[in-house]
Protein backbone atom coordinates (compact mmCIF):
# COMPACT_ATOMS: atom_id res chain seq x y z
CA MET A 1 0.00 0.00 0.00
CA LYS A 2 1.33 3.42 -1.01
CA LYS A 3 0.89 6.28 1.42
CA ILE A 4 -0.09 9.54 -0.30
CA LEU A 5 -0.32 13.04 1.16
CA ILE A 6 -2.44 15.43 -0.92
CA GLY A 7 -2.25 19.19 -0.31
CA ILE A 8 -5.14 21.28 -1.62
CA CYS A 9 -5.03 25.06 -1.94
CA GLY A 10 -7.91 26.62 -0.05
CA ILE A 11 -8.27 29.66 -2.31
CA GLY A 12 -10.86 29.16 -5.05
CA ASN A 13 -13.29 26.37 -5.84
CA GLY A 14 -11.27 25.13 -8.81
CA HIS A 15 -8.63 23.45 -6.62
CA ILE A 16 -11.32 21.72 -4.57
CA ASN A 17 -13.28 20.41 -7.57
CA ARG A 18 -10.14 19.25 -9.37
CA GLN A 19 -8.82 17.31 -6.38
CA LYS A 20 -12.16 15.65 -5.69
CA SER A 21 -11.74 13.98 -9.09
CA ILE A 22 -8.12 13.04 -8.32
CA ILE A 23 -9.00 11.61 -4.90
CA ASN A 24 -11.85 9.55 -6.37
CA ALA A 25 -9.50 8.16 -9.03
CA LEU A 26 -6.80 7.23 -6.50
CA LEU A 27 -9.28 5.55 -4.15
CA GLU A 28 -9.68 2.82 -6.75
CA TYR A 29 -6.12 1.76 -5.90
CA ASP A 30 -4.30 0.28 -2.93
CA VAL A 31 -3.38 3.55 -1.25
CA GLN A 32 -3.69 5.34 2.09
CA ILE A 33 -4.61 8.98 1.47
CA VAL A 34 -4.21 11.82 3.94
CA LEU A 35 -5.60 15.23 2.99
CA ALA A 36 -3.88 18.51 3.90
CA ILE A 37 -6.64 21.13 3.81
CA THR A 38 -7.51 24.53 5.23
CA GLN A 39 -9.84 24.83 8.22
CA GLN A 40 -12.45 26.62 6.08
CA ASN A 41 -12.65 23.61 3.73
CA TYR A 42 -12.43 20.93 6.42
CA ASP A 43 -16.19 20.30 6.63
CA ILE A 44 -16.45 19.99 2.83
CA PHE A 45 -13.87 17.21 2.64
CA ASP A 46 -14.94 15.57 5.89
CA LYS A 47 -18.45 15.18 4.50
CA LEU A 48 -17.19 13.83 1.17
CA TYR A 49 -14.48 11.57 2.58
CA PRO A 50 -15.23 10.69 6.22
CA GLN A 51 -13.02 7.60 5.88
CA LEU A 52 -9.89 9.67 5.09
CA LYS A 53 -7.68 11.26 7.72
CA LYS A 54 -7.06 14.98 7.44
CA VAL A 55 -4.56 17.54 8.68
CA THR A 56 -5.16 21.29 8.63
CA ILE A 57 -2.82 23.76 6.98
CA HIS A 58 -2.39 27.51 6.92
CA ILE A 59 -1.87 28.77 3.37
CA PRO A 60 0.90 31.39 3.15
CA TRP A 61 -0.25 34.57 1.43
CA ILE A 62 2.57 35.80 -0.78
CA VAL A 63 2.12 39.15 -2.54
CA SER A 64 3.54 39.48 -6.02
CA ASP A 65 3.44 42.20 -8.66
CA ASN A 66 4.99 42.97 -12.04
CA ASN A 67 8.47 42.82 -10.49
CA GLY A 68 7.93 39.41 -8.89
CA LEU A 69 7.54 38.71 -5.19
CA ASN A 70 6.81 41.76 -3.06
CA PHE A 71 8.60 40.92 0.18
CA GLU A 72 7.82 44.19 1.93
CA GLU A 73 4.06 44.01 1.39
CA THR A 74 4.02 40.32 2.30
CA LEU A 75 5.85 41.04 5.55
CA GLY A 76 3.31 43.74 6.37
CA ILE A 77 0.44 41.26 5.99
CA TYR A 78 2.02 38.74 8.35
CA ARG A 79 2.87 41.38 10.94
CA ASN A 80 -0.60 42.91 10.83
CA LYS A 81 -2.31 39.53 11.21
CA GLY A 82 0.16 38.24 13.77
CA ILE A 83 0.76 35.02 11.82
CA ASN A 84 3.76 32.82 12.56
CA GLN A 85 3.85 30.82 9.33
CA PHE A 86 6.87 28.73 10.34
CA GLU A 87 5.17 27.67 13.57
CA LYS A 88 2.07 26.69 11.56
CA PHE A 89 4.25 24.64 9.21
CA LEU A 90 5.98 22.80 12.07
CA GLU A 91 2.61 21.94 13.64
CA PHE A 92 1.44 20.62 10.28
CA ALA A 93 4.60 18.50 9.76
CA ILE A 94 4.32 16.98 13.25
CA ASN A 95 0.65 16.13 12.69
CA VAL A 96 1.39 14.44 9.34
CA THR A 97 3.89 12.11 11.00
CA LYS A 98 1.38 11.26 13.72
CA ILE A 99 -1.40 10.56 11.23
CA PHE A 100 0.86 8.18 9.28
CA ASN A 101 1.60 6.35 12.56
CA ASN A 102 5.10 7.81 12.97
CA SER A 103 6.06 6.97 9.39
CA LEU A 104 6.39 9.08 6.24
CA PRO A 105 4.26 9.29 3.09
CA ASP A 106 5.64 7.65 -0.05
CA ILE A 107 4.29 10.28 -2.46
CA ILE A 108 3.18 13.88 -2.01
CA ILE A 109 0.75 15.61 -4.38
CA THR A 110 0.15 19.34 -4.35
CA ASP A 111 -2.56 21.34 -6.05
CA TYR A 112 -0.85 24.71 -5.62
CA GLU A 113 -0.45 24.05 -1.89
CA PRO A 114 3.04 25.04 -0.66
CA ASN A 115 3.08 23.44 2.82
CA VAL A 116 3.14 19.89 1.48
CA ALA A 117 5.78 20.90 -1.07
CA GLN A 118 8.04 22.24 1.68
CA TYR A 119 7.40 19.06 3.65
CA SER A 120 8.40 16.87 0.68
CA TYR A 121 11.72 18.71 0.36
CA ALA A 122 12.36 18.31 4.08
CA ILE A 123 11.77 14.53 4.10
CA ASN A 124 13.16 13.90 0.59
CA LYS A 125 10.04 12.30 -0.85
CA PRO A 126 8.80 12.72 -4.44
CA LEU A 127 6.58 15.73 -5.10
CA ILE A 128 3.92 15.71 -7.82
CA CYS A 129 2.59 19.13 -8.84
CA LEU A 130 -0.91 18.69 -10.23
CA GLU A 131 -2.62 21.98 -11.00
CA GLN A 132 -2.99 24.51 -13.80
CA GLN A 133 -0.94 27.56 -12.72
CA SER A 134 2.35 25.97 -13.74
CA LYS A 135 1.41 26.47 -17.39
CA PHE A 136 2.89 29.95 -17.09
CA LEU A 137 6.38 28.44 -16.84
CA TYR A 138 6.01 27.31 -20.46
CA ILE A 139 4.05 30.16 -22.03
CA GLN A 140 5.69 32.89 -24.08
CA SER A 141 3.86 35.97 -22.87
CA ASP A 142 4.50 39.09 -20.87
CA ILE A 143 2.07 41.93 -20.14
CA ILE A 144 -1.73 41.67 -20.31
CA LYS A 145 -3.79 44.66 -19.16
CA HIS A 146 -0.72 46.10 -17.39
CA ILE A 147 -0.18 42.85 -15.43
CA SER A 148 3.04 40.87 -15.95
CA ILE A 149 3.39 37.09 -16.18
CA GLU A 150 6.08 37.51 -13.53
CA GLU A 151 3.25 37.81 -11.01
CA GLU A 152 2.47 34.13 -11.59
CA ILE A 153 5.84 32.52 -12.26
CA SER A 154 7.57 34.18 -9.28
CA ARG A 155 5.12 32.44 -6.93
CA ILE A 156 5.48 29.12 -8.73
CA ARG A 157 9.29 29.29 -8.47
CA TYR A 158 9.05 30.21 -4.80
CA PHE A 159 6.50 27.56 -3.82
CA PHE A 160 7.57 24.66 -6.07
CA PRO A 161 11.22 25.01 -7.19
CA LYS A 162 11.70 21.25 -7.63
CA VAL A 163 9.26 18.51 -8.66
CA ASP A 164 9.45 14.83 -9.40
CA MET A 165 6.57 15.15 -11.87
CA ARG A 166 4.52 18.12 -13.01
CA PHE A 167 1.03 17.59 -14.41
CA ILE A 168 -0.57 20.67 -15.95
CA SER A 169 -4.29 20.67 -16.62
CA SER A 170 -5.22 23.15 -19.35
CA PHE A 171 -8.23 23.92 -21.53
CA PHE A 172 -5.95 25.21 -24.31
CA GLU A 173 -2.80 23.90 -26.00
CA ILE A 174 0.61 24.34 -24.35
CA LYS A 175 3.88 23.73 -26.19
CA GLN A 176 5.70 21.04 -24.20
CA ASN A 177 9.17 21.46 -25.77
CA ASN A 178 10.28 17.99 -24.62
CA VAL A 179 10.44 18.80 -20.90
CA SER A 180 10.95 15.35 -19.32
CA ASP A 181 9.11 15.88 -16.02
CA LEU A 182 6.15 17.74 -17.59
CA LYS A 183 2.92 15.93 -18.38
CA LEU A 184 0.02 17.76 -20.02
CA LEU A 185 -3.58 16.82 -19.22
CA PRO A 186 -6.91 18.01 -20.56
CA PRO A 187 -9.07 19.63 -17.86
CA ILE A 188 -9.67 17.48 -14.79
CA LEU A 189 -13.45 17.47 -14.58
CA LYS A 190 -16.16 15.56 -12.84
CA LYS A 191 -18.67 14.02 -15.23
CA ILE A 192 -21.74 16.26 -15.33
CA ASN A 193 -24.73 15.27 -17.43
CA ARG A 194 -25.93 17.79 -19.98
CA GLY A 195 -29.63 17.88 -20.79
CA LYS A 196 -31.69 19.68 -23.37
CA THR A 197 -30.91 23.39 -23.24
CA ASP A 198 -33.43 25.64 -21.53
CA GLU A 199 -33.37 28.62 -23.88
CA THR A 200 -34.37 31.00 -21.06
CA LYS A 201 -31.90 29.86 -18.37
CA ALA A 202 -28.55 31.46 -17.53
CA ILE A 203 -25.97 31.08 -14.77
CA VAL A 204 -24.12 34.04 -13.29
CA TYR A 205 -21.17 33.30 -11.00
CA PHE A 206 -19.74 36.00 -8.72
CA SER A 207 -16.40 34.83 -7.37
CA PRO A 208 -15.94 35.33 -3.60
CA TYR A 209 -12.34 36.37 -4.34
CA SER A 210 -13.13 39.54 -6.25
CA ASN A 211 -12.05 42.80 -4.62
CA ASP A 212 -14.43 44.93 -6.67
CA VAL A 213 -18.14 44.41 -6.10
CA ASN A 214 -18.78 47.13 -8.70
CA ASP A 215 -18.13 44.55 -11.43
CA PHE A 216 -21.05 42.54 -10.10
CA VAL A 217 -23.32 45.58 -9.83
CA ARG A 218 -22.62 46.49 -13.48
CA ILE A 219 -23.70 43.01 -14.55
CA LEU A 220 -26.85 43.12 -12.43
CA GLU A 221 -27.76 46.54 -13.81
CA LEU A 222 -27.36 45.12 -17.32
CA ILE A 223 -29.29 41.88 -16.98
CA LYS A 224 -32.21 43.42 -15.09
CA ASN A 225 -33.38 44.64 -18.53
CA TYR A 226 -33.40 41.11 -20.00
CA ASN A 227 -36.46 39.56 -18.39
CA GLN A 228 -36.78 37.02 -21.23
CA TYR A 229 -34.09 35.09 -19.36
CA TYR A 230 -34.00 33.66 -15.85
CA PHE A 231 -30.65 34.43 -14.26
CA ASN A 232 -29.41 32.13 -11.47
CA ILE A 233 -26.89 34.28 -9.57
CA TYR A 234 -24.39 32.32 -7.48
CA THR A 235 -22.84 34.51 -4.82
CA ASN A 236 -22.10 34.69 -1.12
CA LEU A 237 -22.82 38.44 -1.13
CA GLU A 238 -26.10 40.21 -0.43
CA PHE A 239 -27.78 42.31 -3.14
CA PRO A 240 -31.13 44.10 -3.41
CA ASN A 241 -33.96 42.72 -5.53
CA TYR A 242 -33.35 43.21 -9.25
CA GLY A 243 -36.54 41.57 -10.50
CA GLU A 244 -38.37 38.25 -10.42
CA HIS A 245 -36.20 36.90 -13.27
CA ILE A 246 -33.04 37.24 -11.14
CA VAL A 247 -32.64 34.65 -8.38
CA PHE A 248 -29.75 34.71 -5.90
CA LYS A 249 -28.35 31.39 -4.70
CA LYS A 250 -25.54 30.34 -2.40
CA ILE A 251 -22.60 28.61 -4.04
CA GLY A 252 -23.13 24.88 -3.62
CA GLU A 253 -24.42 21.63 -5.11
CA GLN A 254 -27.33 23.30 -6.94
CA PHE A 255 -24.77 24.84 -9.31
CA GLU A 256 -24.20 21.52 -11.11
CA LYS A 257 -27.94 21.05 -11.51
CA ASP A 258 -28.21 24.43 -13.21
CA LEU A 259 -25.29 23.55 -15.50
CA TYR A 260 -27.42 20.65 -16.72
CA ASP A 261 -29.54 22.79 -19.04
CA CYS A 262 -28.47 26.46 -18.92
CA LYS A 263 -28.11 28.50 -22.13
CA PHE A 264 -25.02 30.55 -21.21
CA ILE A 265 -22.76 31.58 -18.34
CA ILE A 266 -21.70 35.01 -17.09
CA SER A 267 -18.65 34.75 -14.87
CA SER A 268 -15.14 35.76 -13.96
CA SER A 269 -12.36 33.89 -15.78
CA GLY A 270 -11.42 31.02 -13.51
CA HIS A 271 -9.79 28.05 -15.24
CA GLN A 272 -12.07 25.37 -13.81
CA LEU A 273 -15.41 26.98 -14.64
CA ILE A 274 -14.22 27.85 -18.15
CA SER A 275 -13.20 24.21 -18.60
CA GLU A 276 -16.57 22.96 -17.36
CA ALA A 277 -18.36 25.35 -19.71
CA ILE A 278 -16.35 24.18 -22.72
CA ASN A 279 -16.91 20.55 -21.79
CA LEU A 280 -20.68 21.11 -21.61
CA GLU A 281 -20.63 23.50 -24.60
CA ILE A 282 -22.05 26.47 -22.70
CA PRO A 283 -20.98 29.85 -24.17
CA LEU A 284 -19.21 32.34 -21.89
CA TYR A 285 -19.69 36.06 -21.32
CA ILE A 286 -16.77 36.67 -18.99
CA PHE A 287 -14.57 39.21 -17.29
CA PRO A 288 -11.21 38.65 -15.55
CA LEU A 289 -10.41 39.41 -11.96
CA LYS A 290 -7.33 41.59 -11.52
CA THR A 291 -4.79 38.77 -11.84
CA TYR A 292 -2.56 37.71 -14.71
CA GLU A 293 -4.00 34.21 -14.74
CA GLN A 294 -7.59 35.35 -15.16
CA ASN A 295 -6.64 37.83 -17.86
CA TYR A 296 -4.76 35.12 -19.74
CA ASN A 297 -7.64 32.65 -19.42
CA CYS A 298 -10.03 35.30 -20.71
CA SER A 299 -7.73 36.04 -23.67
CA MET A 300 -7.69 32.31 -24.57
CA VAL A 301 -11.50 32.22 -24.56
CA GLU A 302 -11.50 35.16 -26.96
CA GLN A 303 -8.70 33.78 -29.12
CA HIS A 304 -10.50 30.46 -29.62
CA ASN A 305 -13.89 32.17 -30.02
CA LEU A 306 -15.49 30.32 -27.12
CA GLY A 307 -17.26 33.38 -25.77
CA LYS A 308 -16.96 37.13 -25.33
CA ARG A 309 -15.01 39.29 -22.90
CA ILE A 310 -17.01 41.82 -20.88
CA ILE A 311 -15.57 45.26 -21.56
CA SER A 312 -18.30 47.89 -21.75
CA CYS A 313 -20.96 45.69 -20.11
CA ASP A 314 -23.74 47.38 -22.05
CA GLU A 315 -26.66 46.23 -24.16
CA ASN A 316 -24.81 46.47 -27.48
CA GLU A 317 -22.03 44.23 -26.23
CA PHE A 318 -24.37 41.76 -24.55
CA ASN A 319 -26.65 41.59 -27.60
CA SER A 320 -23.59 40.84 -29.73
CA PHE A 321 -22.75 37.95 -27.40
CA LEU A 322 -26.31 36.60 -27.50
CA SER A 323 -26.46 36.77 -31.30
CA ASN A 324 -23.29 34.63 -31.56
CA ILE A 325 -24.16 31.96 -29.01
CA ASN A 326 -24.66 29.21 -31.60
CA GLU A 327 -21.27 29.99 -33.13
CA TYR A 328 -19.57 29.80 -29.72
CA THR A 329 -21.22 26.42 -29.10
CA GLU A 330 -19.91 25.02 -32.40
CA LYS A 331 -16.43 26.36 -31.65
CA MET A 332 -16.48 24.59 -28.29
CA LYS A 333 -17.33 21.28 -29.97
CA LYS A 334 -14.41 21.65 -32.39
CA HIS A 335 -12.08 22.85 -29.64
CA LYS A 336 -12.67 19.67 -27.61
CA GLN A 337 -12.13 17.46 -30.64
CA LEU A 338 -8.84 19.21 -31.40
CA TYR A 339 -7.28 19.64 -27.94
CA TRP A 340 -9.08 17.20 -25.60
CA LYS A 341 -8.49 13.95 -27.45
CA ASP A 342 -7.37 11.93 -24.42
CA ASP A 343 -9.01 11.29 -21.06
CA TRP A 344 -7.24 12.99 -18.13
CA LYS A 345 -7.84 10.07 -15.79
CA THR A 346 -6.32 7.51 -18.15
CA LEU A 347 -3.23 9.65 -18.77
CA PHE A 348 -2.70 10.52 -15.10
CA LEU A 349 -3.12 7.00 -13.72
CA LYS A 350 -0.92 5.48 -16.42
CA GLU A 351 1.97 7.76 -15.47
CA ILE A 352 1.82 7.37 -11.70
CA LYS A 353 1.21 3.60 -11.81
CA GLN A 354 4.32 3.12 -13.89
CA LYS A 355 6.58 5.44 -11.94
CA TYR A 356 5.44 4.75 -8.36
CA ASN A 357 4.22 1.16 -8.65
CA ILE A 358 0.69 1.91 -7.48
CA THR A 359 -1.49 -1.18 -7.70
CA THR A 360 -5.22 -1.80 -7.75
CA LYS A 361 -6.99 -3.01 -4.63
CA ASN A 362 -6.95 -6.76 -3.92
CA THR A 363 -4.38 -7.41 -6.66
CA PHE A 364 -3.25 -10.60 -4.90
CA LEU A 365 -6.75 -12.01 -4.76
CA LYS A 366 -7.42 -11.18 -8.39
CA ASP A 367 -4.21 -12.91 -9.50
CA ASN A 368 -4.71 -15.92 -7.22
CA LYS A 369 -8.35 -16.94 -7.52
CA LEU A 370 -9.34 -19.91 -5.36
């Protein structure tokens, strides 16, 4: 039995949804999994996987800008909050050893979670990076909307300077350039059934990590005039009533049910939701949060004609999006055929089974039938 420690970043729903698929895939094999998760996500994973042991982590908040890591601003955050990150790390490392019964994990997987990476370096065990941010190490780009790619790659170099394997999940093509430890995967997605499209139904997703609620207000002011659609607004914020055709919902399981038959999505530019939309062929009217990653994701949606970027957020722009919905849907179909030829689960499991000798459950019994 292989012992696996999985660290999951607690910032954003994409990391959580991606790792649920990874955990489910690994549970088919003869492994002991321990989850390293934030306190705020503990209940989510405890409900999903009550049989798995868990250890809490404190995610370090590292500020970066166009010049790379901003040490001064980062120091100010830690002083103001009174956080002793090293003490938190030591507590985490001690708890991991206890959970594994005073032994060490064989393999460590990180989805943009730096504590488990630091732990792997300390105990000299293989580290697998399995996320989507690392794509910026292999992309030839620089400034988008006055934000530099250095914002992303400086954090990646700081958190994960050395890996045994690096899996990058991406909804668009990345040039691999024969990097030996790099493995490219199509988006890691849970299977969601897609029904017949409800021509009047739309999803609007307001990320809890936006610093500017004015972006959300602009969208609400726009869609209040489109009462031919029913807008399902997913948000943890409170807003006034904008009409009977606009319904506010808390972010949760109902979201997948609305994906089943919605006509289009209005959202920020997170990688996971974009990937889910492409997979289900749901056109996107999107805007990026003020990060390089979201701006790049949004530019890829535009480049491949999978939706429209929100710029003016007015009726002319929105009407243009609505009039091209069928074209976006067809582009999504072709995009999947061109770039998503292989199944992520098959590719991922093939690589780790070969390299780390992970076996299926009850292998002995299967090979030695009585």
